Amino acid sequence: MSFLKRLFGGGGSGEAAAPKEAAPAKQVEHKGFLISATPYKAEGQYQTCGVVSKEIGGVMKEHKFIRADRFAGLDDAVDISIKKGIQLVDEQGERIFG
């Protein structure tokens, strides 16, 4: 029964499955894009997560990403989240929003 409660939001360990609107741990600008690291705690470790954003034609576009990488320390997760965001920008540019 506890499995069903967790599945439908009635229980659990108190750790979020994914962040709703996490405040960025770090932000950097890269090639006109803003990359925000937003790692979150999952199963006792920090999950690689972030947002790539850019204003295009007066509209703020965002691409949220989550990767499978997890780290014991928040600083490591932040660093890798920023690197993954930079990699996305370098590989895809504005196509990331399409």
PDB file of N, CA and C in Angstrom:
ATOM      1  N   MET A   1       0.814  -1.186   0.000  1.00  0.00           N
ATOM      2  CA  MET A   1       0.000   0.000   0.000  1.00  0.00           C
ATOM      3  C   MET A   1       0.864   1.258   0.000  1.00  0.00           C
ATOM      4  N   SER A   2       2.020   1.247   0.677  1.00  0.00           N
ATOM      5  CA  SER A   2       2.859   2.434   0.723  1.00  0.00           C
ATOM      6  C   SER A   2       3.377   2.808  -0.661  1.00  0.00           C
ATOM      7  N   PHE A   3       3.577   1.816  -1.527  1.00  0.00           N
ATOM      8  CA  PHE A   3       3.993   2.097  -2.902  1.00  0.00           C
ATOM      9  C   PHE A   3       2.947   2.947  -3.606  1.00  0.00           C
ATOM     10  N   LEU A   4       1.686   2.599  -3.460  1.00  0.00           N
ATOM     11  CA  LEU A   4       0.611   3.360  -4.097  1.00  0.00           C
ATOM     12  C   LEU A   4       0.514   4.766  -3.525  1.00  0.00           C
ATOM     13  N   LYS A   5       0.731   4.896  -2.224  1.00  0.00           N
ATOM     14  CA  LYS A   5       0.708   6.229  -1.622  1.00  0.00           C
ATOM     15  C   LYS A   5       1.802   7.105  -2.209  1.00  0.00           C
ATOM     16  N   ARG A   6       3.010   6.560  -2.350  1.00  0.00           N
ATOM     17  CA  ARG A   6       4.110   7.331  -2.940  1.00  0.00           C
ATOM     18  C   ARG A   6       3.828   7.647  -4.400  1.00  0.00           C
ATOM     19  N   LEU A   7       3.267   6.681  -5.105  1.00  0.00           N
ATOM     20  CA  LEU A   7       2.978   6.859  -6.519  1.00  0.00           C
ATOM     21  C   LEU A   7       1.998   8.002  -6.752  1.00  0.00           C
ATOM     22  N   PHE A   8       1.019   8.115  -5.877  1.00  0.00           N
ATOM     23  CA  PHE A   8      -0.001   9.145  -6.041  1.00  0.00           C
ATOM     24  C   PHE A   8       0.178  10.324  -5.090  1.00  0.00           C
ATOM     25  N   GLY A   9       1.369  10.474  -4.532  1.00  0.00           N
ATOM     26  CA  GLY A   9       1.690  11.653  -3.741  1.00  0.00           C
ATOM     27  C   GLY A   9       1.298  11.588  -2.290  1.00  0.00           C
ATOM     28  N   GLY A  10       1.008  10.427  -1.763  1.00  0.00           N
ATOM     29  CA  GLY A  10       0.569  10.330  -0.386  1.00  0.00           C
ATOM     30  C   GLY A  10       1.654   9.944   0.589  1.00  0.00           C
ATOM     31  N   GLY A  11       2.892   9.918   0.186  1.00  0.00           N
ATOM     32  CA  GLY A  11       3.953   9.533   1.100  1.00  0.00           C
ATOM     33  C   GLY A  11       5.285   9.710   0.430  1.00  0.00           C
ATOM     34  N   GLY A  12       6.307   9.148   0.995  1.00  0.00           N
ATOM     35  CA  GLY A  12       7.621   9.239   0.390  1.00  0.00           C
ATOM     36  C   GLY A  12       8.634   9.763   1.369  1.00  0.00           C
ATOM     37  N   SER A  13       9.822   9.978   0.862  1.00  0.00           N
ATOM     38  CA  SER A  13      10.935  10.370   1.719  1.00  0.00           C
ATOM     39  C   SER A  13      11.032  11.872   1.910  1.00  0.00           C
ATOM     40  N   GLY A  14      10.195  12.640   1.214  1.00  0.00           N
ATOM     41  CA  GLY A  14      10.271  14.082   1.338  1.00  0.00           C
ATOM     42  C   GLY A  14      11.210  14.718   0.324  1.00  0.00           C
ATOM     43  N   GLU A  15      11.912  13.921  -0.463  1.00  0.00           N
ATOM     44  CA  GLU A  15      12.786  14.450  -1.503  1.00  0.00           C
ATOM     45  C   GLU A  15      11.995  14.595  -2.787  1.00  0.00           C
ATOM     46  N   ALA A  16      12.184  15.685  -3.463  1.00  0.00           N
ATOM     47  CA  ALA A  16      11.451  15.936  -4.691  1.00  0.00           C
ATOM     48  C   ALA A  16      11.951  15.035  -5.814  1.00  0.00           C
ATOM     49  N   ALA A  17      11.040  14.595  -6.667  1.00  0.00           N
ATOM     50  CA  ALA A  17      11.421  13.806  -7.832  1.00  0.00           C
ATOM     51  C   ALA A  17      12.094  14.699  -8.857  1.00  0.00           C
ATOM     52  N   ALA A  18      11.684  15.945  -8.931  1.00  0.00           N
ATOM     53  CA  ALA A  18      12.296  16.932  -9.824  1.00  0.00           C
ATOM     54  C   ALA A  18      11.931  18.306  -9.287  1.00  0.00           C
ATOM     55  N   PRO A  19      12.785  19.281  -9.519  1.00  0.00           N
ATOM     56  CA  PRO A  19      12.498  20.608  -8.982  1.00  0.00           C
ATOM     57  C   PRO A  19      11.333  21.261  -9.712  1.00  0.00           C
ATOM     58  N   LYS A  20      10.550  22.036  -8.999  1.00  0.00           N
ATOM     59  CA  LYS A  20       9.473  22.776  -9.638  1.00  0.00           C
ATOM     60  C   LYS A  20      10.040  24.093 -10.153  1.00  0.00           C
ATOM     61  N   GLU A  21      10.420  24.969  -9.314  1.00  0.00           N
ATOM     62  CA  GLU A  21      11.037  26.239  -9.698  1.00  0.00           C
ATOM     63  C   GLU A  21      12.201  26.504  -8.753  1.00  0.00           C
ATOM     64  N   ALA A  22      13.231  25.718  -8.889  1.00  0.00           N
ATOM     65  CA  ALA A  22      14.392  25.844  -8.019  1.00  0.00           C
ATOM     66  C   ALA A  22      15.167  27.114  -8.348  1.00  0.00           C
ATOM     67  N   ALA A  23      15.630  27.792  -7.325  1.00  0.00           N
ATOM     68  CA  ALA A  23      16.478  28.958  -7.528  1.00  0.00           C
ATOM     69  C   ALA A  23      17.824  28.480  -8.062  1.00  0.00           C
ATOM     70  N   PRO A  24      18.363  29.165  -9.062  1.00  0.00           N
ATOM     71  CA  PRO A  24      19.645  28.728  -9.621  1.00  0.00           C
ATOM     72  C   PRO A  24      20.766  28.772  -8.585  1.00  0.00           C
ATOM     73  N   ALA A  25      21.569  27.723  -8.557  1.00  0.00           N
ATOM     74  CA  ALA A  25      22.728  27.686  -7.675  1.00  0.00           C
ATOM     75  C   ALA A  25      23.857  28.530  -8.263  1.00  0.00           C
ATOM     76  N   LYS A  26      23.867  28.651  -9.607  1.00  0.00           N
ATOM     77  CA  LYS A  26      24.890  29.425 -10.304  1.00  0.00           C
ATOM     78  C   LYS A  26      24.368  29.730 -11.699  1.00  0.00           C
ATOM     79  N   GLN A  27      24.738  30.896 -12.218  1.00  0.00           N
ATOM     80  CA  GLN A  27      24.360  31.266 -13.577  1.00  0.00           C
ATOM     81  C   GLN A  27      25.583  31.803 -14.303  1.00  0.00           C
ATOM     82  N   VAL A  28      25.686  31.464 -15.596  1.00  0.00           N
ATOM     83  CA  VAL A  28      26.754  31.997 -16.432  1.00  0.00           C
ATOM     84  C   VAL A  28      26.158  32.391 -17.780  1.00  0.00           C
ATOM     85  N   GLU A  29      26.784  33.342 -18.439  1.00  0.00           N
ATOM     86  CA  GLU A  29      26.399  33.744 -19.784  1.00  0.00           C
ATOM     87  C   GLU A  29      27.380  33.097 -20.748  1.00  0.00           C
ATOM     88  N   HIS A  30      26.847  32.532 -21.830  1.00  0.00           N
ATOM     89  CA  HIS A  30      27.699  31.869 -22.821  1.00  0.00           C
ATOM     90  C   HIS A  30      27.088  32.089 -24.198  1.00  0.00           C
ATOM     91  N   LYS A  31      27.791  32.811 -25.050  1.00  0.00           N
ATOM     92  CA  LYS A  31      27.357  33.069 -26.426  1.00  0.00           C
ATOM     93  C   LYS A  31      25.958  33.687 -26.494  1.00  0.00           C
ATOM     94  N   GLY A  32      25.634  34.555 -25.546  1.00  0.00           N
ATOM     95  CA  GLY A  32      24.336  35.217 -25.538  1.00  0.00           C
ATOM     96  C   GLY A  32      23.230  34.436 -24.848  1.00  0.00           C
ATOM     97  N   PHE A  33      23.521  33.240 -24.370  1.00  0.00           N
ATOM     98  CA  PHE A  33      22.565  32.406 -23.643  1.00  0.00           C
ATOM     99  C   PHE A  33      22.857  32.518 -22.148  1.00  0.00           C
ATOM    100  N   LEU A  34      21.837  32.389 -21.338  1.00  0.00           N
ATOM    101  CA  LEU A  34      22.010  32.323 -19.890  1.00  0.00           C
ATOM    102  C   LEU A  34      21.846  30.870 -19.477  1.00  0.00           C
ATOM    103  N   ILE A  35      22.857  30.347 -18.812  1.00  0.00           N
ATOM    104  CA  ILE A  35      22.823  28.961 -18.346  1.00  0.00           C
ATOM    105  C   ILE A  35      22.721  28.991 -16.826  1.00  0.00           C
ATOM    106  N   SER A  36      21.673  28.350 -16.309  1.00  0.00           N
ATOM    107  CA  SER A  36      21.416  28.308 -14.873  1.00  0.00           C
ATOM    108  C   SER A  36      21.526  26.871 -14.381  1.00  0.00           C
ATOM    109  N   ALA A  37      22.353  26.655 -13.378  1.00  0.00           N
ATOM    110  CA  ALA A  37      22.473  25.332 -12.756  1.00  0.00           C
ATOM    111  C   ALA A  37      21.422  25.219 -11.658  1.00  0.00           C
ATOM    112  N   THR A  38      20.586  24.187 -11.743  1.00  0.00           N
ATOM    113  CA  THR A  38      19.533  23.979 -10.748  1.00  0.00           C
ATOM    114  C   THR A  38      19.500  22.527 -10.265  1.00  0.00           C
ATOM    115  N   PRO A  39      20.651  21.989  -9.812  1.00  0.00           N
ATOM    116  CA  PRO A  39      20.636  20.600  -9.341  1.00  0.00           C
ATOM    117  C   PRO A  39      19.709  20.444  -8.141  1.00  0.00           C
ATOM    118  N   TYR A  40      19.181  19.250  -7.976  1.00  0.00           N
ATOM    119  CA  TYR A  40      18.279  18.980  -6.865  1.00  0.00           C
ATOM    120  C   TYR A  40      18.656  17.649  -6.227  1.00  0.00           C
ATOM    121  N   LYS A  41      18.224  17.482  -4.987  1.00  0.00           N
ATOM    122  CA  LYS A  41      18.565  16.284  -4.237  1.00  0.00           C
ATOM    123  C   LYS A  41      17.642  15.138  -4.638  1.00  0.00           C
ATOM    124  N   ALA A  42      18.247  14.005  -4.960  1.00  0.00           N
ATOM    125  CA  ALA A  42      17.495  12.813  -5.345  1.00  0.00           C
ATOM    126  C   ALA A  42      18.204  11.593  -4.796  1.00  0.00           C
ATOM    127  N   GLU A  43      17.514  10.844  -3.972  1.00  0.00           N
ATOM    128  CA  GLU A  43      18.060   9.619  -3.384  1.00  0.00           C
ATOM    129  C   GLU A  43      19.404   9.857  -2.701  1.00  0.00           C
ATOM    130  N   GLY A  44      19.510  10.957  -1.982  1.00  0.00           N
ATOM    131  CA  GLY A  44      20.710  11.249  -1.203  1.00  0.00           C
ATOM    132  C   GLY A  44      21.851  11.864  -1.980  1.00  0.00           C
ATOM    133  N   GLN A  45      21.662  12.113  -3.271  1.00  0.00           N
ATOM    134  CA  GLN A  45      22.694  12.735  -4.085  1.00  0.00           C
ATOM    135  C   GLN A  45      22.087  13.901  -4.849  1.00  0.00           C
ATOM    136  N   TYR A  46      22.943  14.660  -5.536  1.00  0.00           N
ATOM    137  CA  TYR A  46      22.478  15.804  -6.303  1.00  0.00           C
ATOM    138  C   TYR A  46      22.425  15.453  -7.784  1.00  0.00           C
ATOM    139  N   GLN A  47      21.250  15.632  -8.372  1.00  0.00           N
ATOM    140  CA  GLN A  47      20.989  15.317  -9.778  1.00  0.00           C
ATOM    141  C   GLN A  47      21.395  16.500 -10.656  1.00  0.00           C
ATOM    142  N   THR A  48      22.072  16.223 -11.755  1.00  0.00           N
ATOM    143  CA  THR A  48      22.456  17.253 -12.717  1.00  0.00           C
ATOM    144  C   THR A  48      21.204  17.796 -13.385  1.00  0.00           C
ATOM    145  N   CYS A  49      21.034  19.121 -13.320  1.00  0.00           N
ATOM    146  CA  CYS A  49      19.830  19.751 -13.841  1.00  0.00           C
ATOM    147  C   CYS A  49      20.121  21.220 -14.110  1.00  0.00           C
ATOM    148  N   GLY A  50      19.471  21.783 -15.140  1.00  0.00           N
ATOM    149  CA  GLY A  50      19.679  23.198 -15.424  1.00  0.00           C
ATOM    150  C   GLY A  50      18.698  23.730 -16.439  1.00  0.00           C
ATOM    151  N   VAL A  51      18.871  25.020 -16.746  1.00  0.00           N
ATOM    152  CA  VAL A  51      18.017  25.712 -17.701  1.00  0.00           C
ATOM    153  C   VAL A  51      18.904  26.545 -18.612  1.00  0.00           C
ATOM    154  N   VAL A  52      18.652  26.452 -19.915  1.00  0.00           N
ATOM    155  CA  VAL A  52      19.304  27.311 -20.898  1.00  0.00           C
ATOM    156  C   VAL A  52      18.231  28.276 -21.376  1.00  0.00           C
ATOM    157  N   SER A  53      18.503  29.583 -21.316  1.00  0.00           N
ATOM    158  CA  SER A  53      17.510  30.557 -21.737  1.00  0.00           C
ATOM    159  C   SER A  53      18.143  31.659 -22.577  1.00  0.00           C
ATOM    160  N   LYS A  54      17.274  32.286 -23.399  1.00  0.00           N
ATOM    161  CA  LYS A  54      17.720  33.384 -24.241  1.00  0.00           C
ATOM    162  C   LYS A  54      16.490  34.150 -24.707  1.00  0.00           C
ATOM    163  N   GLU A  55      16.621  35.464 -24.765  1.00  0.00           N
ATOM    164  CA  GLU A  55      15.540  36.285 -25.303  1.00  0.00           C
ATOM    165  C   GLU A  55      15.678  36.324 -26.819  1.00  0.00           C
ATOM    166  N   ILE A  56      14.607  35.911 -27.507  1.00  0.00           N
ATOM    167  CA  ILE A  56      14.589  35.879 -28.968  1.00  0.00           C
ATOM    168  C   ILE A  56      13.328  36.612 -29.429  1.00  0.00           C
ATOM    169  N   GLY A  57      13.515  37.694 -30.166  1.00  0.00           N
ATOM    170  CA  GLY A  57      12.372  38.462 -30.665  1.00  0.00           C
ATOM    171  C   GLY A  57      11.490  39.006 -29.567  1.00  0.00           C
ATOM    172  N   GLY A  58      12.094  39.383 -28.443  1.00  0.00           N
ATOM    173  CA  GLY A  58      11.341  39.937 -27.325  1.00  0.00           C
ATOM    174  C   GLY A  58      10.662  38.904 -26.441  1.00  0.00           C
ATOM    175  N   VAL A  59      10.871  37.623 -26.734  1.00  0.00           N
ATOM    176  CA  VAL A  59      10.263  36.538 -25.950  1.00  0.00           C
ATOM    177  C   VAL A  59      11.369  35.708 -25.300  1.00  0.00           C
ATOM    178  N   MET A  60      11.252  35.483 -23.994  1.00  0.00           N
ATOM    179  CA  MET A  60      12.228  34.663 -23.289  1.00  0.00           C
ATOM    180  C   MET A  60      11.931  33.189 -23.539  1.00  0.00           C
ATOM    181  N   LYS A  61      12.887  32.510 -24.151  1.00  0.00           N
ATOM    182  CA  LYS A  61      12.778  31.077 -24.435  1.00  0.00           C
ATOM    183  C   LYS A  61      13.596  30.323 -23.399  1.00  0.00           C
ATOM    184  N   GLU A  62      13.109  29.147 -22.984  1.00  0.00           N
ATOM    185  CA  GLU A  62      13.810  28.310 -22.008  1.00  0.00           C
ATOM    186  C   GLU A  62      13.834  26.861 -22.461  1.00  0.00           C
ATOM    187  N   HIS A  63      14.937  26.208 -22.146  1.00  0.00           N
ATOM    188  CA  HIS A  63      15.058  24.764 -22.346  1.00  0.00           C
ATOM    189  C   HIS A  63      15.578  24.175 -21.038  1.00  0.00           C
ATOM    190  N   LYS A  64      14.761  23.358 -20.387  1.00  0.00           N
ATOM    191  CA  LYS A  64      15.168  22.718 -19.135  1.00  0.00           C
ATOM    192  C   LYS A  64      15.760  21.355 -19.462  1.00  0.00           C
ATOM    193  N   PHE A  65      16.829  21.014 -18.742  1.00  0.00           N
ATOM    194  CA  PHE A  65      17.439  19.702 -18.966  1.00  0.00           C
ATOM    195  C   PHE A  65      17.745  19.025 -17.640  1.00  0.00           C
ATOM    196  N   ILE A  66      17.636  17.713 -17.653  1.00  0.00           N
ATOM    197  CA  ILE A  66      17.997  16.861 -16.517  1.00  0.00           C
ATOM    198  C   ILE A  66      18.836  15.737 -17.088  1.00  0.00           C
ATOM    199  N   ARG A  67      19.943  15.446 -16.445  1.00  0.00           N
ATOM    200  CA  ARG A  67      20.815  14.359 -16.880  1.00  0.00           C
ATOM    201  C   ARG A  67      20.878  13.288 -15.784  1.00  0.00           C
ATOM    202  N   ALA A  68      21.312  12.128 -16.151  1.00  0.00           N
ATOM    203  CA  ALA A  68      21.367  10.999 -15.220  1.00  0.00           C
ATOM    204  C   ALA A  68      22.494  11.130 -14.198  1.00  0.00           C
ATOM    205  N   ASP A  69      23.454  12.009 -14.463  1.00  0.00           N
ATOM    206  CA  ASP A  69      24.605  12.152 -13.563  1.00  0.00           C
ATOM    207  C   ASP A  69      24.162  12.604 -12.176  1.00  0.00           C
ATOM    208  N   ARG A  70      24.703  11.953 -11.156  1.00  0.00           N
ATOM    209  CA  ARG A  70      24.442  12.334  -9.763  1.00  0.00           C
ATOM    210  C   ARG A  70      25.765  12.442  -9.020  1.00  0.00           C
ATOM    211  N   PHE A  71      25.787  13.347  -8.033  1.00  0.00           N
ATOM    212  CA  PHE A  71      27.011  13.619  -7.292  1.00  0.00           C
ATOM    213  C   PHE A  71      26.714  13.731  -5.803  1.00  0.00           C
ATOM    214  N   ALA A  72      27.696  13.368  -4.994  1.00  0.00           N
ATOM    215  CA  ALA A  72      27.538  13.464  -3.545  1.00  0.00           C
ATOM    216  C   ALA A  72      27.524  14.922  -3.084  1.00  0.00           C
ATOM    217  N   GLY A  73      28.276  15.770  -3.781  1.00  0.00           N
ATOM    218  CA  GLY A  73      28.376  17.168  -3.376  1.00  0.00           C
ATOM    219  C   GLY A  73      27.655  18.108  -4.328  1.00  0.00           C
ATOM    220  N   LEU A  74      27.047  19.147  -3.774  1.00  0.00           N
ATOM    221  CA  LEU A  74      26.325  20.132  -4.562  1.00  0.00           C
ATOM    222  C   LEU A  74      27.245  20.857  -5.542  1.00  0.00           C
ATOM    223  N   ASP A  75      28.452  21.210  -5.116  1.00  0.00           N
ATOM    224  CA  ASP A  75      29.381  21.943  -5.987  1.00  0.00           C
ATOM    225  C   ASP A  75      29.705  21.174  -7.261  1.00  0.00           C
ATOM    226  N   ASP A  76      29.910  19.874  -7.147  1.00  0.00           N
ATOM    227  CA  ASP A  76      30.182  19.054  -8.328  1.00  0.00           C
ATOM    228  C   ASP A  76      28.975  19.035  -9.270  1.00  0.00           C
ATOM    229  N   ALA A  77      27.781  18.906  -8.706  1.00  0.00           N
ATOM    230  CA  ALA A  77      26.568  18.888  -9.524  1.00  0.00           C
ATOM    231  C   ALA A  77      26.363  20.227 -10.230  1.00  0.00           C
ATOM    232  N   VAL A  78      26.668  21.329  -9.554  1.00  0.00           N
ATOM    233  CA  VAL A  78      26.552  22.660 -10.157  1.00  0.00           C
ATOM    234  C   VAL A  78      27.532  22.792 -11.314  1.00  0.00           C
ATOM    235  N   ASP A  79      28.783  22.411 -11.087  1.00  0.00           N
ATOM    236  CA  ASP A  79      29.805  22.519 -12.139  1.00  0.00           C
ATOM    237  C   ASP A  79      29.422  21.709 -13.383  1.00  0.00           C
ATOM    238  N   ILE A  80      28.964  20.498 -13.196  1.00  0.00           N
ATOM    239  CA  ILE A  80      28.597  19.650 -14.331  1.00  0.00           C
ATOM    240  C   ILE A  80      27.335  20.174 -15.009  1.00  0.00           C
ATOM    241  N   SER A  81      26.397  20.706 -14.248  1.00  0.00           N
ATOM    242  CA  SER A  81      25.188  21.287 -14.844  1.00  0.00           C
ATOM    243  C   SER A  81      25.546  22.450 -15.763  1.00  0.00           C
ATOM    244  N   ILE A  82      26.473  23.294 -15.343  1.00  0.00           N
ATOM    245  CA  ILE A  82      26.919  24.417 -16.174  1.00  0.00           C
ATOM    246  C   ILE A  82      27.619  23.887 -17.425  1.00  0.00           C
ATOM    247  N   LYS A  83      28.492  22.900 -17.262  1.00  0.00           N
ATOM    248  CA  LYS A  83      29.200  22.335 -18.418  1.00  0.00           C
ATOM    249  C   LYS A  83      28.233  21.699 -19.410  1.00  0.00           C
ATOM    250  N   LYS A  84      27.211  21.013 -18.922  1.00  0.00           N
ATOM    251  CA  LYS A  84      26.222  20.398 -19.812  1.00  0.00           C
ATOM    252  C   LYS A  84      25.432  21.471 -20.553  1.00  0.00           C
ATOM    253  N   GLY A  85      25.100  22.566 -19.874  1.00  0.00           N
ATOM    254  CA  GLY A  85      24.403  23.669 -20.526  1.00  0.00           C
ATOM    255  C   GLY A  85      25.244  24.293 -21.625  1.00  0.00           C
ATOM    256  N   ILE A  86      26.521  24.502 -21.353  1.00  0.00           N
ATOM    257  CA  ILE A  86      27.440  25.043 -22.361  1.00  0.00           C
ATOM    258  C   ILE A  86      27.532  24.097 -23.550  1.00  0.00           C
ATOM    259  N   GLN A  87      27.602  22.806 -23.283  1.00  0.00           N
ATOM    260  CA  GLN A  87      27.663  21.809 -24.346  1.00  0.00           C
ATOM    261  C   GLN A  87      26.406  21.872 -25.223  1.00  0.00           C
ATOM    262  N   LEU A  88      25.241  22.003 -24.608  1.00  0.00           N
ATOM    263  CA  LEU A  88      23.998  22.116 -25.374  1.00  0.00           C
ATOM    264  C   LEU A  88      24.013  23.344 -26.280  1.00  0.00           C
ATOM    265  N   VAL A  89      24.464  24.479 -25.740  1.00  0.00           N
ATOM    266  CA  VAL A  89      24.528  25.712 -26.530  1.00  0.00           C
ATOM    267  C   VAL A  89      25.506  25.545 -27.684  1.00  0.00           C
ATOM    268  N   ASP A  90      26.673  24.984 -27.410  1.00  0.00           N
ATOM    269  CA  ASP A  90      27.689  24.814 -28.455  1.00  0.00           C
ATOM    270  C   ASP A  90      27.220  23.866 -29.556  1.00  0.00           C
ATOM    271  N   GLU A  91      26.489  22.827 -29.198  1.00  0.00           N
ATOM    272  CA  GLU A  91      26.051  21.828 -30.172  1.00  0.00           C
ATOM    273  C   GLU A  91      24.788  22.246 -30.925  1.00  0.00           C
ATOM    274  N   GLN A  92      23.856  22.935 -30.243  1.00  0.00           N
ATOM    275  CA  GLN A  92      22.557  23.181 -30.846  1.00  0.00           C
ATOM    276  C   GLN A  92      22.205  24.651 -31.068  1.00  0.00           C
ATOM    277  N   GLY A  93      22.829  25.537 -30.312  1.00  0.00           N
ATOM    278  CA  GLY A  93      22.491  26.949 -30.457  1.00  0.00           C
ATOM    279  C   GLY A  93      21.007  27.199 -30.241  1.00  0.00           C
ATOM    280  N   GLU A  94      20.411  28.082 -31.043  1.00  0.00           N
ATOM    281  CA  GLU A  94      18.995  28.426 -30.876  1.00  0.00           C
ATOM    282  C   GLU A  94      18.051  27.282 -31.265  1.00  0.00           C
ATOM    283  N   ARG A  95      18.556  26.278 -31.976  1.00  0.00           N
ATOM    284  CA  ARG A  95      17.720  25.114 -32.320  1.00  0.00           C
ATOM    285  C   ARG A  95      17.230  24.386 -31.072  1.00  0.00           C
ATOM    286  N   ILE A  96      17.874  24.624 -29.942  1.00  0.00           N
ATOM    287  CA  ILE A  96      17.495  23.968 -28.700  1.00  0.00           C
ATOM    288  C   ILE A  96      16.050  24.295 -28.313  1.00  0.00           C
ATOM    289  N   PHE A  97      15.555  25.437 -28.780  1.00  0.00           N
ATOM    290  CA  PHE A  97      14.202  25.869 -28.417  1.00  0.00           C
ATOM    291  C   PHE A  97      13.134  25.380 -29.389  1.00  0.00           C
ATOM    292  N   GLY A  98      13.541  24.756 -30.463  1.00  0.00           N
ATOM    293  CA  GLY A  98      12.574  24.340 -31.485  1.00  0.00           C
ATOM    294  C   GLY A  98      12.164  22.958 -31.326  1.00  0.00           C
TER     295      GLY A  98
END
